[in-house]
């Protein structure tokens, strides 16, 4: 469940904020803001309030402080605009799996994409009050860009010169990260672009990806400002971890990529129908759940999947056809949608469902611990479905227990869970909608496959998930930022 990118009334997007040397300025008073979202118009060299060029190399000057109070370093100094960027030495960090990954450099430059209308509409204020001071302490400079409309972030990253940035920071809900990843995959240089490290700072309604990263880092489950603070501290620590990517193909020929989930039925309906209550934050989903329970319905369709144990037993993947005309990774486990699924796939005999959920990570929202069974192996995802016949009371009990990850202890015979590497879902009557990372998709046949360790995210996880397929190519290391 996630937040959508909504409109922003101004006709400019970049906002350059800078703190004076030697410390962090106090957040400006929202009452003095120069636009509807409370964003001050930063002075530009050409005159006060002049719009800034998106490609101007803006930097946040600060002393080189460590996150712990009182610690200082002498090997870094603020960089004035217009001077060559001097990178600190890159340090190789060994992960628990024995591989190495490059952390973000110090000092560090990031592009922040922020949706000022996401969640409760307070993302910009939260950035100034919670994120900016920590970035200044950690010597992370930034350019802040406000999204104006749906798919604006997608358009921006498609055209952005990524060599200016060490990472792309997304401050909103999961929908904005969905836009960014798909924008990167639509670039001519997508193979290089998707390796640009990403960071999720929660400011939407669901914040499932941020909650999952928080969980992998070993933090307790928190919400709102506490979750934002934890994720900002992970950015300041600069460590990176590989994340899986879900490739989706639809009957209409569309191909898109998911960083979190695909939902059909009850969950998708709650996510999208509660959009009108987004000012309630996380409470919108609670209200939406009760409303949908009152009018509980079922959805007819066929579901098939390729279970993890079939891949582990080294069953050969199905040869994909016409993959050469598609941009992006080859979906080797999938056959065209007009063909029957391969014989070694599992076909679910039931045809009536209450919900189907394919989930890449641990959380479906900051207070929805959907996958307590542990992180899947790289290249696998969690598949849940609830068969028709479940009572309203049982379904409510499942969702209430999900907050603490105890829904699997309810022993509900209608709830089925299986780890898979690919799936196919074909709605029969076109009822219901799909929600991909919280974003609406029309109801049509869809299939998907997980691609392991496909992009990099800021993360504090202590270990990377084991590889599902030993014969797969080794995990890619992100190249130095100056090459991206």
Protein backbone atom coordinates (compact mmCIF):
# COMPACT_ATOMS: atom_id res chain seq x y z
CA UNK A 1 0.00 0.00 0.00
CA UNK A 2 1.44 3.26 -0.94
CA UNK A 3 0.93 6.80 -1.90
CA UNK A 4 0.20 8.27 -5.33
CA UNK A 5 2.02 11.20 -6.84
CA UNK A 6 -0.39 14.10 -6.82
CA UNK A 7 -0.29 17.51 -8.40
CA UNK A 8 1.70 20.53 -7.29
CA UNK A 9 0.50 23.96 -8.33
CA UNK A 10 3.77 25.73 -9.14
CA UNK A 11 5.47 25.62 -12.54
CA UNK A 12 8.96 24.97 -11.17
CA UNK A 13 10.37 22.02 -9.32
CA UNK A 14 13.96 22.38 -8.06
CA UNK A 15 14.46 23.78 -4.58
CA UNK A 16 18.02 24.31 -3.41
CA UNK A 17 18.44 24.54 0.34
CA UNK A 18 21.75 25.35 1.96
CA UNK A 19 23.00 25.59 5.53
CA UNK A 20 25.75 28.00 6.50
CA UNK A 21 29.25 26.75 7.10
CA UNK A 22 29.84 25.41 10.52
CA UNK A 23 26.30 24.31 11.29
CA UNK A 24 22.71 23.81 10.25
CA UNK A 25 20.30 26.69 10.02
CA UNK A 26 16.97 26.46 11.80
CA UNK A 27 14.14 25.27 9.59
CA UNK A 28 12.37 28.24 8.04
CA UNK A 29 8.98 29.21 9.37
CA UNK A 30 6.26 27.77 7.14
CA UNK A 31 4.40 31.03 7.52
CA UNK A 32 7.05 32.73 5.40
CA UNK A 33 6.88 30.13 2.66
CA UNK A 34 6.63 31.25 -0.92
CA UNK A 35 4.34 28.53 -2.30
CA UNK A 36 1.35 26.38 -1.45
CA UNK A 37 3.35 23.46 -0.07
CA UNK A 38 5.30 25.57 2.40
CA UNK A 39 8.49 25.57 0.33
CA UNK A 40 10.62 28.72 0.59
CA UNK A 41 11.89 30.05 -2.69
CA UNK A 42 15.66 29.91 -2.40
CA UNK A 43 17.68 32.88 -3.67
CA UNK A 44 19.38 32.24 -6.97
CA UNK A 45 22.48 33.88 -8.40
CA UNK A 46 20.31 35.71 -10.91
CA UNK A 47 18.11 37.33 -8.29
CA UNK A 48 16.03 36.53 -5.22
CA UNK A 49 13.37 33.94 -5.93
CA UNK A 50 14.57 33.22 -9.44
CA UNK A 51 13.83 29.63 -10.58
CA UNK A 52 16.87 27.38 -10.53
CA UNK A 53 18.27 25.24 -13.30
CA UNK A 54 17.74 21.54 -12.54
CA UNK A 55 21.32 20.87 -13.57
CA UNK A 56 22.93 23.43 -11.30
CA UNK A 57 25.38 21.65 -8.99
CA UNK A 58 23.85 22.66 -5.65
CA UNK A 59 25.57 21.67 -2.44
CA UNK A 60 24.67 21.88 1.20
CA UNK A 61 27.70 23.32 3.00
CA UNK A 62 28.41 21.86 6.42
CA UNK A 63 31.23 20.79 8.63
CA UNK A 64 32.15 17.13 8.42
CA UNK A 65 30.42 15.81 11.53
CA UNK A 66 29.83 12.24 12.48
CA UNK A 67 26.33 11.26 13.51
CA UNK A 68 27.36 10.78 17.12
CA UNK A 69 27.48 14.03 19.04
CA UNK A 70 30.78 15.77 19.36
CA UNK A 71 32.72 13.71 16.81
CA UNK A 72 34.48 15.64 14.05
CA UNK A 73 36.76 14.87 11.14
CA UNK A 74 39.37 17.02 9.47
CA UNK A 75 39.55 15.31 6.10
CA UNK A 76 36.61 17.11 4.52
CA UNK A 77 35.57 20.71 4.04
CA UNK A 78 32.52 22.39 2.56
CA UNK A 79 32.62 22.70 -1.20
CA UNK A 80 31.65 26.01 -2.73
CA UNK A 81 29.34 26.02 -5.74
CA UNK A 82 31.23 25.95 -9.00
CA UNK A 83 34.37 24.25 -7.70
CA UNK A 84 35.29 20.70 -8.74
CA UNK A 85 33.76 18.03 -6.55
CA UNK A 86 36.41 16.27 -4.48
CA UNK A 87 35.45 12.76 -3.46
CA UNK A 88 36.69 11.08 -0.36
CA UNK A 89 38.34 7.66 -0.62
CA UNK A 90 36.02 4.77 -1.36
CA UNK A 91 35.93 2.09 1.30
CA UNK A 92 35.15 -1.53 0.55
CA UNK A 93 32.57 -2.94 2.98
CA UNK A 94 32.39 -6.70 3.35
CA UNK A 95 28.89 -8.09 3.62
CA UNK A 96 27.94 -11.17 5.59
CA UNK A 97 27.73 -13.27 2.45
CA UNK A 98 31.42 -12.70 1.78
CA UNK A 99 31.00 -10.29 -1.13
CA UNK A 100 31.95 -6.65 -1.20
CA UNK A 101 29.90 -3.59 -1.97
CA UNK A 102 30.86 0.03 -2.26
CA UNK A 103 29.22 2.42 0.17
CA UNK A 104 28.23 5.89 -0.95
CA UNK A 105 31.21 8.25 -0.93
CA UNK A 106 31.93 10.94 1.64
CA UNK A 107 31.18 13.73 0.86
CA UNK A 108 28.09 12.70 -1.05
CA UNK A 109 25.66 14.33 -3.49
CA UNK A 110 22.05 13.20 -3.78
CA UNK A 111 19.00 14.23 -5.77
CA UNK A 112 15.90 14.26 -3.54
CA UNK A 113 12.56 13.72 -5.29
CA UNK A 114 9.78 14.74 -2.91
CA UNK A 115 6.01 14.60 -3.33
CA UNK A 116 4.63 17.56 -1.32
CA UNK A 117 1.09 16.14 -1.48
CA UNK A 118 1.93 12.61 -0.33
CA UNK A 119 0.39 11.15 2.81
CA UNK A 120 -0.83 13.93 5.09
CA UNK A 121 0.78 16.58 2.89
CA UNK A 122 3.59 17.34 5.34
CA UNK A 123 6.54 15.84 3.48
CA UNK A 124 8.30 19.16 2.87
CA UNK A 125 8.01 20.25 6.49
CA UNK A 126 9.29 16.85 7.62
CA UNK A 127 12.23 17.10 5.25
CA UNK A 128 13.27 20.45 6.69
CA UNK A 129 12.76 19.50 10.33
CA UNK A 130 13.95 15.87 10.38
CA UNK A 131 16.01 15.05 7.30
CA UNK A 132 17.98 18.17 6.44
CA UNK A 133 19.77 18.52 9.82
CA UNK A 134 20.96 14.90 9.72
CA UNK A 135 22.19 15.23 6.14
CA UNK A 136 24.17 18.33 7.09
CA UNK A 137 25.86 16.49 9.95
CA UNK A 138 26.75 13.58 7.67
CA UNK A 139 28.15 15.77 4.86
CA UNK A 140 25.43 14.80 2.39
CA UNK A 141 24.61 17.62 -0.04
CA UNK A 142 21.36 17.61 -1.95
CA UNK A 143 19.15 19.18 -4.54
CA UNK A 144 15.47 18.98 -3.64
CA UNK A 145 12.97 18.58 -6.47
CA UNK A 146 9.22 18.70 -5.87
CA UNK A 147 7.02 16.53 -8.03
CA UNK A 148 4.08 18.32 -9.63
CA UNK A 149 1.88 15.57 -11.01
CA UNK A 150 1.49 11.87 -11.52
CA UNK A 151 4.48 10.33 -13.37
CA UNK A 152 6.51 13.53 -13.02
CA UNK A 153 9.31 11.69 -11.19
CA UNK A 154 9.29 9.08 -13.95
CA UNK A 155 9.83 11.79 -16.55
CA UNK A 156 12.54 13.50 -14.52
CA UNK A 157 14.74 10.44 -14.03
CA UNK A 158 14.31 9.45 -17.68
CA UNK A 159 16.02 12.70 -18.71
CA UNK A 160 18.34 13.30 -15.74
CA UNK A 161 22.13 13.28 -16.10
CA UNK A 162 22.77 10.73 -13.38
CA UNK A 163 26.48 11.49 -13.28
CA UNK A 164 25.68 14.49 -11.07
CA UNK A 165 24.45 12.30 -8.24
CA UNK A 166 25.76 9.55 -5.98
CA UNK A 167 22.20 8.42 -5.20
CA UNK A 168 18.55 9.22 -5.86
CA UNK A 169 16.51 9.78 -2.69
CA UNK A 170 12.73 9.34 -2.90
CA UNK A 171 10.68 11.00 -0.15
CA UNK A 172 7.04 10.01 -0.48
CA UNK A 173 5.19 6.70 -0.47
CA UNK A 174 5.92 3.58 -2.47
CA UNK A 175 4.28 4.93 -5.61
CA UNK A 176 7.02 7.49 -6.18
CA UNK A 177 9.74 4.83 -5.93
CA UNK A 178 7.72 2.83 -8.47
CA UNK A 179 7.85 5.81 -10.83
CA UNK A 180 11.59 6.31 -10.35
CA UNK A 181 12.52 2.68 -11.00
CA UNK A 182 10.32 2.47 -14.09
CA UNK A 183 11.73 5.76 -15.36
CA UNK A 184 15.26 4.39 -14.99
CA UNK A 185 14.29 1.20 -16.82
CA UNK A 186 12.87 3.23 -19.72
CA UNK A 187 16.16 5.01 -20.41
CA UNK A 188 18.36 4.00 -23.36
CA UNK A 189 21.14 3.33 -20.83
CA UNK A 190 18.83 1.37 -18.50
CA UNK A 191 21.44 -1.26 -17.65
CA UNK A 192 23.68 1.40 -16.17
CA UNK A 193 20.92 3.68 -14.89
CA UNK A 194 19.26 1.03 -12.73
CA UNK A 195 22.53 0.62 -10.84
CA UNK A 196 22.28 4.16 -9.46
CA UNK A 197 21.74 3.66 -5.70
CA UNK A 198 18.27 4.54 -4.41
CA UNK A 199 16.99 5.53 -0.98
CA UNK A 200 13.43 5.52 0.39
CA UNK A 201 12.44 8.16 2.94
CA UNK A 202 8.86 7.57 4.12
CA UNK A 203 6.36 10.42 3.76
CA UNK A 204 3.35 8.66 2.26
CA UNK A 205 0.47 6.69 3.70
CA UNK A 206 1.75 3.11 3.55
CA UNK A 207 5.56 3.38 3.38
CA UNK A 208 5.94 -0.37 2.98
CA UNK A 209 9.36 -0.31 1.32
CA UNK A 210 10.80 1.97 4.00
CA UNK A 211 9.28 -0.22 6.72
CA UNK A 212 10.88 -3.28 5.14
CA UNK A 213 14.30 -1.62 4.97
CA UNK A 214 13.85 -0.56 8.59
CA UNK A 215 13.07 -4.19 9.49
CA UNK A 216 16.07 -5.57 7.60
CA UNK A 217 18.30 -3.11 9.47
CA UNK A 218 17.25 -4.69 12.76
CA UNK A 219 15.18 -1.76 14.01
CA UNK A 220 11.89 -2.32 15.80
CA UNK A 221 8.68 -1.61 13.90
CA UNK A 222 7.94 2.11 14.08
CA UNK A 223 5.87 4.61 12.11
CA UNK A 224 5.72 8.26 11.11
CA UNK A 225 8.64 10.46 12.24
CA UNK A 226 10.43 7.57 13.98
CA UNK A 227 10.50 5.58 10.74
CA UNK A 228 11.65 8.65 8.82
CA UNK A 229 14.47 9.25 11.30
CA UNK A 230 15.64 5.63 11.06
CA UNK A 231 15.70 5.69 7.25
CA UNK A 232 17.52 9.03 7.20
CA UNK A 233 20.18 7.64 9.53
CA UNK A 234 20.63 4.71 7.15
CA UNK A 235 21.26 7.19 4.35
CA UNK A 236 23.82 8.96 6.51
CA UNK A 237 25.56 5.62 7.15
CA UNK A 238 25.80 5.18 3.35
CA UNK A 239 25.65 1.37 3.21
CA UNK A 240 24.09 -0.29 0.17
CA UNK A 241 22.33 -3.62 -0.30
CA UNK A 242 21.02 -5.34 -3.45
CA UNK A 243 17.25 -5.57 -3.94
CA UNK A 244 15.14 -7.79 -6.17
CA UNK A 245 13.03 -6.44 -9.02
CA UNK A 246 9.71 -7.89 -10.18
CA UNK A 247 9.19 -7.79 -13.95
CA UNK A 248 5.53 -7.79 -15.04
CA UNK A 249 3.98 -8.51 -18.43
CA UNK A 250 0.31 -7.82 -19.23
CA UNK A 251 -2.06 -9.14 -21.89
CA UNK A 252 -2.13 -5.72 -23.57
CA UNK A 253 1.62 -5.90 -24.13
CA UNK A 254 2.66 -3.56 -21.34
CA UNK A 255 5.82 -4.30 -19.41
CA UNK A 256 6.52 -2.65 -16.08
CA UNK A 257 8.60 -3.24 -12.99
CA UNK A 258 7.65 -3.49 -9.33
CA UNK A 259 9.80 -2.83 -6.29
CA UNK A 260 7.27 -4.03 -3.74
CA UNK A 261 4.06 -5.85 -4.64
CA UNK A 262 1.19 -6.71 -6.93
CA UNK A 263 -2.22 -7.00 -5.28
CA UNK A 264 -5.57 -8.09 -6.69
CA UNK A 265 -8.91 -8.21 -4.95
CA UNK A 266 -9.50 -7.08 -1.38
CA UNK A 267 -6.11 -5.44 -0.72
CA UNK A 268 -6.03 -3.59 -4.03
CA UNK A 269 -9.58 -2.34 -3.51
CA UNK A 270 -8.78 -1.06 -0.01
CA UNK A 271 -5.61 0.62 -1.24
CA UNK A 272 -7.27 2.44 -4.10
CA UNK A 273 -10.72 3.09 -2.64
CA UNK A 274 -9.20 4.65 0.51
CA UNK A 275 -7.34 7.21 -1.59
CA UNK A 276 -10.03 9.77 -0.71
CA UNK A 277 -9.02 9.41 2.95
CA UNK A 278 -5.28 9.93 2.45
CA UNK A 279 -5.19 12.86 4.88
CA UNK A 280 -5.76 10.29 7.62
CA UNK A 281 -2.35 8.72 6.91
CA UNK A 282 -2.15 5.05 7.94
CA UNK A 283 -5.71 5.23 9.29
CA UNK A 284 -7.03 5.41 5.73
CA UNK A 285 -6.30 1.69 5.32
CA UNK A 286 -8.06 0.78 8.57
CA UNK A 287 -11.14 2.71 7.50
CA UNK A 288 -10.96 1.27 3.99
CA UNK A 289 -10.71 -2.26 5.40
CA UNK A 290 -13.89 -1.88 7.42
CA UNK A 291 -15.75 -0.38 4.48
CA UNK A 292 -14.68 -3.18 2.13
CA UNK A 293 -15.48 -5.84 4.77
CA UNK A 294 -19.02 -4.47 4.94
CA UNK A 295 -19.34 -5.12 1.21
CA UNK A 296 -17.08 -8.16 0.93
CA UNK A 297 -16.90 -9.62 -2.54
CA UNK A 298 -15.06 -12.37 -4.38
CA UNK A 299 -13.08 -12.30 -7.61
CA UNK A 300 -13.04 -15.02 -10.21
CA UNK A 301 -9.80 -15.87 -11.98
CA UNK A 302 -7.04 -18.42 -12.47
CA UNK A 303 -3.73 -18.43 -10.61
CA UNK A 304 -0.56 -20.40 -11.38
CA UNK A 305 2.97 -20.12 -10.06
CA UNK A 306 6.49 -21.53 -10.21
CA UNK A 307 7.39 -22.58 -6.66
CA UNK A 308 10.85 -22.04 -5.24
CA UNK A 309 11.50 -25.75 -4.68
CA UNK A 310 11.05 -26.43 -8.40
CA UNK A 311 13.82 -23.95 -9.26
CA UNK A 312 16.06 -25.19 -6.47
CA UNK A 313 15.74 -28.72 -7.84
CA UNK A 314 17.26 -27.32 -11.04
CA UNK A 315 14.27 -27.68 -13.31
CA UNK A 316 15.30 -25.92 -16.52
CA UNK A 317 13.70 -22.50 -17.05
CA UNK A 318 11.26 -22.13 -19.88
CA UNK A 319 12.68 -20.52 -23.01
CA UNK A 320 11.21 -17.05 -23.39
CA UNK A 321 10.10 -15.87 -26.81
CA UNK A 322 10.36 -12.45 -28.38
CA UNK A 323 12.43 -11.21 -25.44
CA UNK A 324 14.86 -9.49 -27.77
CA UNK A 325 12.28 -6.85 -28.68
CA UNK A 326 11.72 -5.90 -25.05
CA UNK A 327 13.85 -3.50 -23.06
CA UNK A 328 15.00 -4.82 -19.73
CA UNK A 329 16.07 -8.19 -18.36
CA UNK A 330 14.98 -11.43 -20.02
CA UNK A 331 12.09 -13.17 -18.23
CA UNK A 332 13.45 -16.66 -18.76
CA UNK A 333 10.78 -18.41 -16.67
CA UNK A 334 7.81 -16.94 -18.56
CA UNK A 335 6.13 -18.00 -21.80
CA UNK A 336 3.74 -15.76 -23.77
CA UNK A 337 0.44 -15.13 -22.01
CA UNK A 338 -1.56 -16.68 -24.84
CA UNK A 339 0.14 -20.03 -24.13
CA UNK A 340 -0.58 -22.37 -21.22
CA UNK A 341 1.84 -22.24 -18.31
CA UNK A 342 4.64 -24.85 -18.40
CA UNK A 343 3.89 -28.28 -17.01
CA UNK A 344 6.20 -27.92 -14.00
CA UNK A 345 4.23 -24.89 -12.74
CA UNK A 346 1.55 -25.30 -10.06
CA UNK A 347 -2.00 -24.40 -11.09
CA UNK A 348 -4.31 -23.45 -8.23
CA UNK A 349 -7.56 -25.43 -8.57
CA UNK A 350 -9.71 -22.74 -6.98
CA UNK A 351 -11.24 -20.08 -9.23
CA UNK A 352 -12.80 -17.75 -6.65
CA UNK A 353 -10.56 -15.57 -4.50
CA UNK A 354 -10.89 -12.80 -1.95
CA UNK A 355 -7.36 -11.58 -2.58
CA UNK A 356 -4.06 -12.43 -4.24
CA UNK A 357 -0.81 -10.77 -3.17
CA UNK A 358 2.70 -11.12 -4.60
CA UNK A 359 5.10 -9.41 -2.19
CA UNK A 360 8.84 -8.86 -2.51
CA UNK A 361 9.49 -7.60 1.02
CA UNK A 362 8.49 -8.01 4.65
CA UNK A 363 5.94 -5.21 5.00
CA UNK A 364 2.81 -4.14 3.17
CA UNK A 365 2.65 -0.92 5.19
CA UNK A 366 4.50 0.58 8.11
CA UNK A 367 2.08 -1.26 10.43
CA UNK A 368 1.45 -4.31 8.24
CA UNK A 369 4.09 -6.99 8.85
CA UNK A 370 2.80 -9.21 6.06
CA UNK A 371 5.74 -11.63 5.71
CA UNK A 372 6.96 -12.66 9.18
CA UNK A 373 8.35 -15.92 7.80
CA UNK A 374 11.59 -14.12 6.92
CA UNK A 375 13.14 -12.58 3.87
CA UNK A 376 12.92 -14.66 0.71
CA UNK A 377 16.05 -15.89 -1.03
CA UNK A 378 17.27 -13.56 -3.77
CA UNK A 379 15.11 -14.22 -6.80
CA UNK A 380 11.98 -15.28 -4.87
CA UNK A 381 8.88 -13.54 -3.56
CA UNK A 382 6.06 -14.20 -1.12
CA UNK A 383 2.76 -15.27 -2.70
CA UNK A 384 -0.39 -15.14 -0.56
CA UNK A 385 -3.96 -15.82 -1.57
CA UNK A 386 -7.23 -16.10 0.30
CA UNK A 387 -9.87 -18.41 -1.15
CA UNK A 388 -13.53 -17.50 -1.28
CA UNK A 389 -15.60 -18.68 1.67
CA UNK A 390 -13.67 -16.88 4.40
CA UNK A 391 -15.94 -15.08 6.85
CA UNK A 392 -15.81 -11.33 7.48
CA UNK A 393 -14.85 -11.94 11.11
CA UNK A 394 -11.94 -14.21 10.14
CA UNK A 395 -10.69 -11.79 7.53
CA UNK A 396 -10.81 -8.92 10.01
CA UNK A 397 -8.93 -11.04 12.54
CA UNK A 398 -6.22 -11.72 9.93
CA UNK A 399 -5.71 -8.05 9.15
CA UNK A 400 -5.63 -7.04 12.82
CA UNK A 401 -3.04 -9.73 13.54
CA UNK A 402 -0.93 -8.60 10.59
CA UNK A 403 0.23 -5.52 12.50
CA UNK A 404 2.54 -7.72 14.58
CA UNK A 405 3.03 -10.40 11.93
CA UNK A 406 0.84 -12.95 13.73
CA UNK A 407 -1.74 -13.58 11.02
CA UNK A 408 -0.03 -16.82 10.00
CA UNK A 409 -0.73 -18.12 13.54
CA UNK A 410 -4.50 -17.81 13.00
CA UNK A 411 -4.57 -21.18 11.20
CA UNK A 412 -7.03 -19.87 8.65
CA UNK A 413 -7.74 -22.68 6.14
CA UNK A 414 -8.60 -20.12 3.46
CA UNK A 415 -5.20 -18.39 3.65
CA UNK A 416 -2.45 -19.96 1.53
CA UNK A 417 1.19 -18.94 1.43
CA UNK A 418 3.98 -20.17 -0.86
CA UNK A 419 7.36 -18.72 -1.89
CA UNK A 420 7.61 -18.47 -5.68
CA UNK A 421 9.87 -17.14 -8.40
CA UNK A 422 7.15 -16.45 -10.99
CA UNK A 423 3.36 -16.34 -11.25
CA UNK A 424 0.47 -15.82 -13.65
CA UNK A 425 -2.91 -14.32 -12.70
CA UNK A 426 -5.82 -14.13 -15.13
CA UNK A 427 -9.02 -12.38 -13.98
CA UNK A 428 -12.07 -13.99 -15.58
CA UNK A 429 -14.68 -11.26 -15.36
CA UNK A 430 -12.40 -8.18 -15.21
CA UNK A 431 -13.79 -7.37 -11.78
CA UNK A 432 -11.53 -5.68 -9.31
CA UNK A 433 -8.30 -3.84 -10.02
CA UNK A 434 -4.58 -4.48 -9.74
CA UNK A 435 -2.41 -2.35 -7.49
CA UNK A 436 1.28 -2.44 -8.41
CA UNK A 437 3.29 -0.76 -5.64
CA UNK A 438 0.00 0.93 -4.81
CA UNK A 439 -0.48 2.28 -8.33
CA UNK A 440 -3.61 1.44 -10.31
CA UNK A 441 -3.39 -1.02 -13.22
CA UNK A 442 -6.32 -2.22 -15.29
CA UNK A 443 -7.63 -5.71 -14.64
CA UNK A 444 -6.19 -8.02 -17.28
CA UNK A 445 -4.05 -11.13 -17.44
CA UNK A 446 -0.64 -10.51 -15.91
CA UNK A 447 2.44 -12.58 -15.19
CA UNK A 448 5.67 -11.78 -13.44
CA UNK A 449 9.13 -13.04 -12.56
CA UNK A 450 11.61 -11.93 -9.91
CA UNK A 451 15.09 -10.82 -10.98
CA UNK A 452 17.53 -11.25 -8.09
CA UNK A 453 19.78 -8.49 -6.74
CA UNK A 454 18.89 -6.20 -9.60
CA UNK A 455 19.27 -2.73 -8.12
CA UNK A 456 20.89 -1.10 -5.10
CA UNK A 457 19.27 0.59 -2.15
CA UNK A 458 20.51 2.37 0.93
CA UNK A 459 20.02 -0.22 3.64
CA UNK A 460 21.37 -1.24 7.01
CA UNK A 461 20.62 -4.94 6.61
CA UNK A 462 23.28 -7.08 8.21
CA UNK A 463 23.29 -9.69 5.51
CA UNK A 464 22.12 -10.15 1.95
CA UNK A 465 19.61 -12.92 1.19
CA UNK A 466 21.11 -16.17 -0.14
CA UNK A 467 21.01 -16.74 -3.86
CA UNK A 468 18.21 -18.98 -5.08
CA UNK A 469 20.03 -20.17 -8.18
CA UNK A 470 23.72 -21.05 -7.72
CA UNK A 471 24.24 -21.04 -11.46
CA UNK A 472 23.09 -17.43 -11.76
CA UNK A 473 25.60 -14.71 -12.55
CA UNK A 474 27.27 -13.14 -9.50
CA UNK A 475 25.70 -10.14 -7.90
CA UNK A 476 26.63 -6.92 -9.62
CA UNK A 477 28.60 -4.33 -7.69
CA UNK A 478 27.62 -0.73 -8.27
CA UNK A 479 30.35 1.00 -10.27
CA UNK A 480 31.92 4.20 -8.93
CA UNK A 481 29.43 7.05 -9.07
CA UNK A 482 31.52 9.04 -11.55
CA UNK A 483 30.90 6.31 -14.15
CA UNK A 484 27.09 6.49 -13.82
